[in-house]
Amino acid sequence: MDNILKTIGDLKTLDSKIKKAVDSVCLICNISQSEFYSKNRARHLVDARRFVYSYCRDNLELRFMDIAKIFEVNHATIMHHVRVHNELMIYDDYYEKKYDSFIELVVAKIEIIDLEIKNIELSIEAITKQLQEFKEKNNINESTRQDSPITN
């Protein structure tokens, strides 16, 4: 059960990181989320998508197929964008600066998420400890507990 909860937590964290990346690229590129998810091939929109695809590949270490499923595109599209991204990072200074700004914003947002997750985990640990202390104080354990109807 703990493994399932950990996996669900990991998926939620990953989903949250991807959403933060999309939010960040929309802010950096001055576009809306509907423009980001559109099929429009204007250069600034394609670059925005390329930033996020490359971020997912390089920083989140997702496979091409996983990224393709998330964004509902073909995996070859992701491969193409990552390859072009790597070339642009070498030859296009403007592109590189904009991508670096995007990464800085994403990292800042994700650090906030990680802090929130850590605070939640600490709260859960504290509550679990309090529950255990309560059970010990009142001599409650699962083996002695009886499931009987309450009568007045």
N, C-alpha and C. Protein backbone atom coordinates (compact mmCIF):
# COMPACT_ATOMS: atom_id res chain seq x y z
N MET A 1 0.83 -1.19 0.00
CA MET A 1 0.00 0.00 0.00
C MET A 1 0.87 1.26 0.00
N ASP A 2 1.94 1.24 0.79
CA ASP A 2 2.83 2.40 0.84
C ASP A 2 3.48 2.65 -0.51
N ASN A 3 3.83 1.55 -1.24
CA ASN A 3 4.44 1.71 -2.56
C ASN A 3 3.47 2.36 -3.53
N ILE A 4 2.19 1.97 -3.44
CA ILE A 4 1.18 2.56 -4.32
C ILE A 4 1.02 4.04 -4.01
N LEU A 5 0.97 4.38 -2.73
CA LEU A 5 0.84 5.78 -2.34
C LEU A 5 2.06 6.59 -2.79
N LYS A 6 3.24 5.99 -2.68
CA LYS A 6 4.46 6.67 -3.13
C LYS A 6 4.41 6.89 -4.63
N THR A 7 3.97 5.89 -5.39
CA THR A 7 3.87 6.02 -6.84
C THR A 7 2.86 7.10 -7.21
N ILE A 8 1.73 7.13 -6.54
CA ILE A 8 0.72 8.17 -6.79
C ILE A 8 1.30 9.53 -6.46
N GLY A 9 2.01 9.62 -5.36
CA GLY A 9 2.65 10.88 -4.99
C GLY A 9 3.68 11.32 -6.01
N ASP A 10 4.46 10.37 -6.52
CA ASP A 10 5.46 10.68 -7.55
C ASP A 10 4.79 11.19 -8.82
N LEU A 11 3.68 10.56 -9.21
CA LEU A 11 2.97 10.98 -10.41
C LEU A 11 2.38 12.38 -10.23
N LYS A 12 1.84 12.65 -9.04
CA LYS A 12 1.29 13.98 -8.77
C LYS A 12 2.40 15.03 -8.79
N THR A 13 3.55 14.69 -8.23
CA THR A 13 4.68 15.61 -8.24
C THR A 13 5.14 15.87 -9.66
N LEU A 14 5.25 14.81 -10.46
CA LEU A 14 5.65 14.95 -11.86
C LEU A 14 4.65 15.81 -12.62
N ASP A 15 3.38 15.53 -12.43
CA ASP A 15 2.33 16.31 -13.09
C ASP A 15 2.42 17.77 -12.69
N SER A 16 2.67 18.01 -11.41
CA SER A 16 2.79 19.37 -10.91
C SER A 16 4.00 20.07 -11.53
N LYS A 17 5.11 19.36 -11.67
CA LYS A 17 6.30 19.96 -12.27
C LYS A 17 6.06 20.31 -13.74
N ILE A 18 5.35 19.45 -14.44
CA ILE A 18 5.05 19.73 -15.85
C ILE A 18 4.12 20.93 -15.97
N LYS A 19 3.12 21.00 -15.10
CA LYS A 19 2.21 22.16 -15.11
C LYS A 19 2.97 23.45 -14.81
N LYS A 20 3.89 23.39 -13.86
CA LYS A 20 4.69 24.57 -13.54
C LYS A 20 5.57 24.96 -14.73
N ALA A 21 6.08 23.97 -15.45
CA ALA A 21 6.89 24.26 -16.64
C ALA A 21 6.05 24.95 -17.71
N VAL A 22 4.84 24.45 -17.93
CA VAL A 22 3.95 25.07 -18.91
C VAL A 22 3.58 26.49 -18.47
N ASP A 23 3.24 26.66 -17.20
CA ASP A 23 2.93 28.00 -16.68
C ASP A 23 4.11 28.94 -16.87
N SER A 24 5.30 28.46 -16.59
CA SER A 24 6.50 29.28 -16.69
C SER A 24 6.79 29.68 -18.13
N VAL A 25 6.67 28.74 -19.05
CA VAL A 25 6.96 29.06 -20.45
C VAL A 25 5.92 30.03 -20.99
N CYS A 26 4.68 29.90 -20.54
CA CYS A 26 3.64 30.85 -20.97
C CYS A 26 3.98 32.26 -20.50
N LEU A 27 4.49 32.35 -19.28
CA LEU A 27 4.87 33.66 -18.74
C LEU A 27 6.09 34.22 -19.48
N ILE A 28 7.11 33.43 -19.65
CA ILE A 28 8.35 33.88 -20.31
C ILE A 28 8.08 34.26 -21.77
N CYS A 29 7.27 33.49 -22.47
CA CYS A 29 7.02 33.73 -23.90
C CYS A 29 5.80 34.61 -24.15
N ASN A 30 5.13 35.02 -23.07
CA ASN A 30 3.96 35.89 -23.19
C ASN A 30 2.87 35.28 -24.08
N ILE A 31 2.53 34.03 -23.76
CA ILE A 31 1.47 33.34 -24.50
C ILE A 31 0.48 32.75 -23.50
N SER A 32 -0.69 32.37 -24.01
CA SER A 32 -1.68 31.73 -23.14
C SER A 32 -1.49 30.21 -23.20
N GLN A 33 -2.12 29.52 -22.25
CA GLN A 33 -2.03 28.06 -22.28
C GLN A 33 -2.73 27.49 -23.51
N SER A 34 -3.81 28.13 -23.94
CA SER A 34 -4.49 27.63 -25.14
C SER A 34 -3.59 27.78 -26.36
N GLU A 35 -2.80 28.84 -26.41
CA GLU A 35 -1.84 28.98 -27.51
C GLU A 35 -0.75 27.91 -27.41
N PHE A 36 -0.30 27.65 -26.19
CA PHE A 36 0.73 26.61 -26.00
C PHE A 36 0.24 25.27 -26.52
N TYR A 37 -1.00 24.91 -26.20
CA TYR A 37 -1.54 23.60 -26.58
C TYR A 37 -2.14 23.58 -27.99
N SER A 38 -2.16 24.73 -28.66
CA SER A 38 -2.74 24.78 -30.00
C SER A 38 -1.83 24.10 -31.02
N LYS A 39 -2.32 23.95 -32.23
CA LYS A 39 -1.53 23.36 -33.32
C LYS A 39 -0.83 24.45 -34.14
N ASN A 40 -0.96 25.71 -33.72
CA ASN A 40 -0.36 26.82 -34.42
C ASN A 40 1.16 26.65 -34.47
N ARG A 41 1.75 26.88 -35.65
CA ARG A 41 3.18 26.66 -35.80
C ARG A 41 3.99 27.96 -35.88
N ALA A 42 3.46 29.02 -35.30
CA ALA A 42 4.22 30.26 -35.23
C ALA A 42 5.50 30.01 -34.43
N ARG A 43 6.58 30.62 -34.84
CA ARG A 43 7.90 30.34 -34.27
C ARG A 43 7.91 30.47 -32.75
N HIS A 44 7.34 31.55 -32.21
CA HIS A 44 7.39 31.75 -30.76
C HIS A 44 6.60 30.68 -30.01
N LEU A 45 5.56 30.13 -30.63
CA LEU A 45 4.79 29.06 -29.98
C LEU A 45 5.53 27.73 -30.06
N VAL A 46 6.16 27.48 -31.19
CA VAL A 46 6.94 26.25 -31.35
C VAL A 46 8.12 26.26 -30.38
N ASP A 47 8.78 27.42 -30.26
CA ASP A 47 9.89 27.52 -29.30
C ASP A 47 9.42 27.26 -27.88
N ALA A 48 8.26 27.78 -27.52
CA ALA A 48 7.72 27.57 -26.17
C ALA A 48 7.50 26.08 -25.91
N ARG A 49 6.90 25.40 -26.88
CA ARG A 49 6.68 23.95 -26.73
C ARG A 49 8.02 23.22 -26.65
N ARG A 50 8.96 23.65 -27.48
CA ARG A 50 10.29 23.04 -27.50
C ARG A 50 10.97 23.17 -26.14
N PHE A 51 10.82 24.33 -25.50
CA PHE A 51 11.39 24.52 -24.17
C PHE A 51 10.87 23.46 -23.20
N VAL A 52 9.57 23.27 -23.20
CA VAL A 52 8.95 22.34 -22.25
C VAL A 52 9.33 20.90 -22.58
N TYR A 53 9.29 20.54 -23.85
CA TYR A 53 9.66 19.17 -24.24
C TYR A 53 11.10 18.88 -23.82
N SER A 54 12.00 19.83 -24.06
CA SER A 54 13.41 19.63 -23.71
C SER A 54 13.60 19.59 -22.20
N TYR A 55 12.84 20.43 -21.49
CA TYR A 55 12.90 20.40 -20.03
C TYR A 55 12.47 19.02 -19.51
N CYS A 56 11.39 18.50 -20.06
CA CYS A 56 10.90 17.18 -19.62
C CYS A 56 11.94 16.09 -19.90
N ARG A 57 12.59 16.19 -21.03
CA ARG A 57 13.59 15.19 -21.40
C ARG A 57 14.86 15.32 -20.55
N ASP A 58 15.38 16.54 -20.45
CA ASP A 58 16.68 16.74 -19.80
C ASP A 58 16.60 16.81 -18.28
N ASN A 59 15.60 17.49 -17.75
CA ASN A 59 15.54 17.70 -16.30
C ASN A 59 14.68 16.68 -15.58
N LEU A 60 13.57 16.29 -16.19
CA LEU A 60 12.70 15.31 -15.54
C LEU A 60 13.05 13.89 -15.98
N GLU A 61 13.94 13.78 -16.95
CA GLU A 61 14.44 12.50 -17.46
C GLU A 61 13.33 11.57 -17.93
N LEU A 62 12.36 12.15 -18.62
CA LEU A 62 11.27 11.36 -19.19
C LEU A 62 11.67 10.81 -20.55
N ARG A 63 11.11 9.68 -20.89
CA ARG A 63 11.36 9.09 -22.21
C ARG A 63 10.57 9.86 -23.27
N PHE A 64 11.00 9.76 -24.51
CA PHE A 64 10.30 10.44 -25.61
C PHE A 64 8.83 10.01 -25.66
N MET A 65 8.59 8.73 -25.48
CA MET A 65 7.21 8.21 -25.53
C MET A 65 6.36 8.80 -24.40
N ASP A 66 6.94 8.94 -23.22
CA ASP A 66 6.19 9.49 -22.08
C ASP A 66 5.82 10.95 -22.33
N ILE A 67 6.78 11.72 -22.83
CA ILE A 67 6.52 13.13 -23.14
C ILE A 67 5.44 13.23 -24.21
N ALA A 68 5.55 12.37 -25.23
CA ALA A 68 4.57 12.38 -26.32
C ALA A 68 3.16 12.08 -25.80
N LYS A 69 3.04 11.14 -24.88
CA LYS A 69 1.72 10.82 -24.32
C LYS A 69 1.16 11.99 -23.52
N ILE A 70 2.00 12.62 -22.74
CA ILE A 70 1.56 13.75 -21.92
C ILE A 70 1.01 14.87 -22.78
N PHE A 71 1.71 15.18 -23.88
CA PHE A 71 1.33 16.32 -24.72
C PHE A 71 0.53 15.91 -25.96
N GLU A 72 0.21 14.63 -26.05
CA GLU A 72 -0.61 14.09 -27.13
C GLU A 72 -0.05 14.42 -28.51
N VAL A 73 1.23 14.11 -28.68
CA VAL A 73 1.88 14.23 -29.97
C VAL A 73 2.66 12.95 -30.23
N ASN A 74 3.17 12.81 -31.44
CA ASN A 74 3.96 11.64 -31.80
C ASN A 74 5.34 11.74 -31.14
N HIS A 75 5.89 10.59 -30.76
CA HIS A 75 7.21 10.61 -30.10
C HIS A 75 8.30 11.16 -31.02
N ALA A 76 8.14 10.98 -32.33
CA ALA A 76 9.13 11.52 -33.27
C ALA A 76 9.13 13.06 -33.24
N THR A 77 7.98 13.65 -32.96
CA THR A 77 7.88 15.10 -32.82
C THR A 77 8.74 15.56 -31.64
N ILE A 78 8.66 14.83 -30.55
CA ILE A 78 9.46 15.18 -29.37
C ILE A 78 10.95 15.03 -29.69
N MET A 79 11.31 13.93 -30.35
CA MET A 79 12.71 13.70 -30.72
C MET A 79 13.23 14.85 -31.59
N HIS A 80 12.42 15.27 -32.55
CA HIS A 80 12.80 16.37 -33.43
C HIS A 80 13.02 17.65 -32.63
N HIS A 81 12.08 17.97 -31.75
CA HIS A 81 12.19 19.22 -30.97
C HIS A 81 13.40 19.21 -30.05
N VAL A 82 13.69 18.09 -29.44
CA VAL A 82 14.86 18.02 -28.55
C VAL A 82 16.14 18.18 -29.36
N ARG A 83 16.20 17.56 -30.53
CA ARG A 83 17.39 17.68 -31.39
C ARG A 83 17.57 19.15 -31.84
N VAL A 84 16.49 19.77 -32.31
CA VAL A 84 16.56 21.17 -32.73
C VAL A 84 16.92 22.08 -31.55
N HIS A 85 16.35 21.79 -30.38
CA HIS A 85 16.67 22.57 -29.18
C HIS A 85 18.18 22.54 -28.91
N ASN A 86 18.76 21.36 -28.97
CA ASN A 86 20.20 21.24 -28.71
C ASN A 86 21.02 22.06 -29.71
N GLU A 87 20.60 22.07 -30.97
CA GLU A 87 21.29 22.87 -31.99
C GLU A 87 21.12 24.37 -31.73
N LEU A 88 19.90 24.77 -31.40
CA LEU A 88 19.64 26.19 -31.14
C LEU A 88 20.40 26.69 -29.92
N MET A 89 20.56 25.84 -28.92
CA MET A 89 21.30 26.23 -27.73
C MET A 89 22.76 26.56 -28.07
N ILE A 90 23.28 25.96 -29.12
CA ILE A 90 24.67 26.20 -29.54
C ILE A 90 24.77 27.46 -30.39
N TYR A 91 23.83 27.64 -31.31
CA TYR A 91 23.98 28.67 -32.34
C TYR A 91 23.12 29.92 -32.17
N ASP A 92 22.10 29.88 -31.35
CA ASP A 92 21.18 31.02 -31.25
C ASP A 92 21.22 31.59 -29.83
N ASP A 93 21.92 32.72 -29.67
CA ASP A 93 22.09 33.33 -28.35
C ASP A 93 20.77 33.77 -27.74
N TYR A 94 19.89 34.33 -28.55
CA TYR A 94 18.58 34.78 -28.06
C TYR A 94 17.78 33.60 -27.51
N TYR A 95 17.77 32.52 -28.27
CA TYR A 95 17.06 31.31 -27.85
C TYR A 95 17.64 30.79 -26.53
N GLU A 96 18.96 30.75 -26.45
CA GLU A 96 19.62 30.25 -25.25
C GLU A 96 19.27 31.09 -24.02
N LYS A 97 19.29 32.42 -24.16
CA LYS A 97 18.97 33.31 -23.04
C LYS A 97 17.52 33.13 -22.59
N LYS A 98 16.64 32.99 -23.56
CA LYS A 98 15.23 32.81 -23.23
C LYS A 98 15.00 31.47 -22.53
N TYR A 99 15.68 30.42 -23.01
CA TYR A 99 15.57 29.11 -22.37
C TYR A 99 16.13 29.17 -20.94
N ASP A 100 17.26 29.84 -20.77
CA ASP A 100 17.84 29.96 -19.43
C ASP A 100 16.89 30.69 -18.48
N SER A 101 16.21 31.71 -18.97
CA SER A 101 15.21 32.42 -18.15
C SER A 101 14.07 31.48 -17.77
N PHE A 102 13.65 30.68 -18.73
CA PHE A 102 12.59 29.69 -18.48
C PHE A 102 13.02 28.71 -17.39
N ILE A 103 14.23 28.18 -17.51
CA ILE A 103 14.73 27.20 -16.52
C ILE A 103 14.80 27.84 -15.13
N GLU A 104 15.29 29.07 -15.04
CA GLU A 104 15.37 29.74 -13.74
C GLU A 104 13.99 29.87 -13.10
N LEU A 105 13.00 30.23 -13.90
CA LEU A 105 11.64 30.37 -13.37
C LEU A 105 11.06 29.02 -12.95
N VAL A 106 11.27 28.01 -13.77
CA VAL A 106 10.74 26.67 -13.44
C VAL A 106 11.38 26.16 -12.16
N VAL A 107 12.68 26.30 -12.05
CA VAL A 107 13.38 25.81 -10.86
C VAL A 107 12.87 26.54 -9.62
N ALA A 108 12.67 27.85 -9.72
CA ALA A 108 12.15 28.61 -8.58
C ALA A 108 10.77 28.11 -8.19
N LYS A 109 9.90 27.87 -9.17
CA LYS A 109 8.54 27.38 -8.87
C LYS A 109 8.59 25.98 -8.29
N ILE A 110 9.46 25.13 -8.81
CA ILE A 110 9.52 23.75 -8.34
C ILE A 110 10.12 23.69 -6.93
N GLU A 111 11.06 24.57 -6.63
CA GLU A 111 11.59 24.61 -5.26
C GLU A 111 10.49 24.96 -4.27
N ILE A 112 9.58 25.83 -4.68
CA ILE A 112 8.43 26.16 -3.82
C ILE A 112 7.56 24.93 -3.63
N ILE A 113 7.32 24.18 -4.70
CA ILE A 113 6.52 22.95 -4.61
C ILE A 113 7.20 21.95 -3.68
N ASP A 114 8.52 21.78 -3.85
CA ASP A 114 9.25 20.84 -3.01
C ASP A 114 9.16 21.23 -1.53
N LEU A 115 9.21 22.53 -1.26
CA LEU A 115 9.07 23.01 0.11
C LEU A 115 7.68 22.68 0.66
N GLU A 116 6.65 22.90 -0.18
CA GLU A 116 5.28 22.59 0.24
C GLU A 116 5.13 21.10 0.51
N ILE A 117 5.70 20.28 -0.36
CA ILE A 117 5.62 18.82 -0.17
C ILE A 117 6.33 18.42 1.12
N LYS A 118 7.49 18.99 1.38
CA LYS A 118 8.24 18.68 2.60
C LYS A 118 7.43 19.07 3.83
N ASN A 119 6.77 20.22 3.79
CA ASN A 119 5.93 20.65 4.91
C ASN A 119 4.77 19.69 5.12
N ILE A 120 4.17 19.22 4.05
CA ILE A 120 3.07 18.26 4.15
C ILE A 120 3.57 16.95 4.76
N GLU A 121 4.73 16.49 4.29
CA GLU A 121 5.30 15.24 4.83
C GLU A 121 5.58 15.38 6.32
N LEU A 122 6.11 16.53 6.73
CA LEU A 122 6.38 16.75 8.16
C LEU A 122 5.08 16.78 8.96
N SER A 123 4.04 17.37 8.40
CA SER A 123 2.74 17.39 9.07
C SER A 123 2.18 15.98 9.23
N ILE A 124 2.31 15.17 8.19
CA ILE A 124 1.83 13.79 8.25
C ILE A 124 2.59 13.01 9.32
N GLU A 125 3.91 13.20 9.37
CA GLU A 125 4.71 12.52 10.40
C GLU A 125 4.28 12.94 11.80
N ALA A 126 4.03 14.23 11.99
CA ALA A 126 3.62 14.73 13.31
C ALA A 126 2.25 14.16 13.69
N ILE A 127 1.33 14.11 12.76
CA ILE A 127 -0.01 13.57 13.03
C ILE A 127 0.08 12.08 13.33
N THR A 128 0.90 11.36 12.58
CA THR A 128 1.08 9.92 12.81
C THR A 128 1.65 9.68 14.21
N LYS A 129 2.60 10.50 14.59
CA LYS A 129 3.20 10.37 15.93
C LYS A 129 2.16 10.66 17.01
N GLN A 130 1.37 11.70 16.82
CA GLN A 130 0.32 12.04 17.79
C GLN A 130 -0.70 10.91 17.90
N LEU A 131 -1.06 10.33 16.78
CA LEU A 131 -2.02 9.22 16.78
C LEU A 131 -1.45 8.02 17.54
N GLN A 132 -0.19 7.72 17.29
CA GLN A 132 0.45 6.60 17.99
C GLN A 132 0.49 6.86 19.50
N GLU A 133 0.83 8.08 19.89
CA GLU A 133 0.87 8.43 21.32
C GLU A 133 -0.52 8.33 21.93
N PHE A 134 -1.54 8.74 21.19
CA PHE A 134 -2.91 8.65 21.67
C PHE A 134 -3.31 7.19 21.88
N LYS A 135 -2.97 6.34 20.91
CA LYS A 135 -3.29 4.92 21.02
C LYS A 135 -2.60 4.30 22.22
N GLU A 136 -1.33 4.64 22.43
CA GLU A 136 -0.58 4.09 23.56
C GLU A 136 -1.16 4.59 24.89
N LYS A 137 -1.51 5.85 24.96
CA LYS A 137 -2.06 6.44 26.17
C LYS A 137 -3.39 5.80 26.55
N ASN A 138 -4.18 5.47 25.57
CA ASN A 138 -5.51 4.91 25.81
C ASN A 138 -5.56 3.39 25.62
N ASN A 139 -4.41 2.76 25.57
CA ASN A 139 -4.32 1.31 25.41
C ASN A 139 -5.16 0.81 24.23
N ILE A 140 -5.00 1.45 23.12
CA ILE A 140 -5.74 1.04 21.92
C ILE A 140 -4.75 0.39 20.97
N ASN A 141 -5.10 -0.81 20.53
CA ASN A 141 -4.34 -1.42 19.45
C ASN A 141 -5.31 -2.19 18.57
N GLU A 142 -4.88 -2.47 17.39
CA GLU A 142 -5.77 -3.06 16.38
C GLU A 142 -6.25 -4.46 16.77
N SER A 143 -5.45 -5.23 17.51
CA SER A 143 -5.85 -6.59 17.85
C SER A 143 -6.92 -6.63 18.93
N THR A 144 -7.01 -5.63 19.80
CA THR A 144 -8.01 -5.63 20.86
C THR A 144 -9.29 -4.89 20.47
N ARG A 145 -9.24 -4.23 19.36
CA ARG A 145 -10.40 -3.45 18.92
C ARG A 145 -11.51 -4.40 18.46
N GLN A 146 -12.71 -4.10 18.94
CA GLN A 146 -13.87 -4.93 18.56
C GLN A 146 -14.79 -4.12 17.69
N ASP A 147 -15.27 -4.76 16.65
CA ASP A 147 -16.22 -4.09 15.76
C ASP A 147 -17.63 -4.50 16.18
N SER A 148 -18.13 -3.82 17.19
CA SER A 148 -19.50 -4.13 17.65
C SER A 148 -20.34 -2.89 17.49
N PRO A 149 -21.63 -3.10 17.26
CA PRO A 149 -22.50 -1.93 17.09
C PRO A 149 -22.62 -1.18 18.43
N ILE A 150 -22.78 0.13 18.28
CA ILE A 150 -22.96 0.97 19.48
C ILE A 150 -24.41 0.92 19.89
N THR A 151 -24.62 0.64 21.17
CA THR A 151 -26.00 0.59 21.68
C THR A 151 -26.18 1.67 22.73
N ASN A 152 -27.37 2.17 22.82
CA ASN A 152 -27.67 3.21 23.81
C ASN A 152 -28.20 2.64 25.06
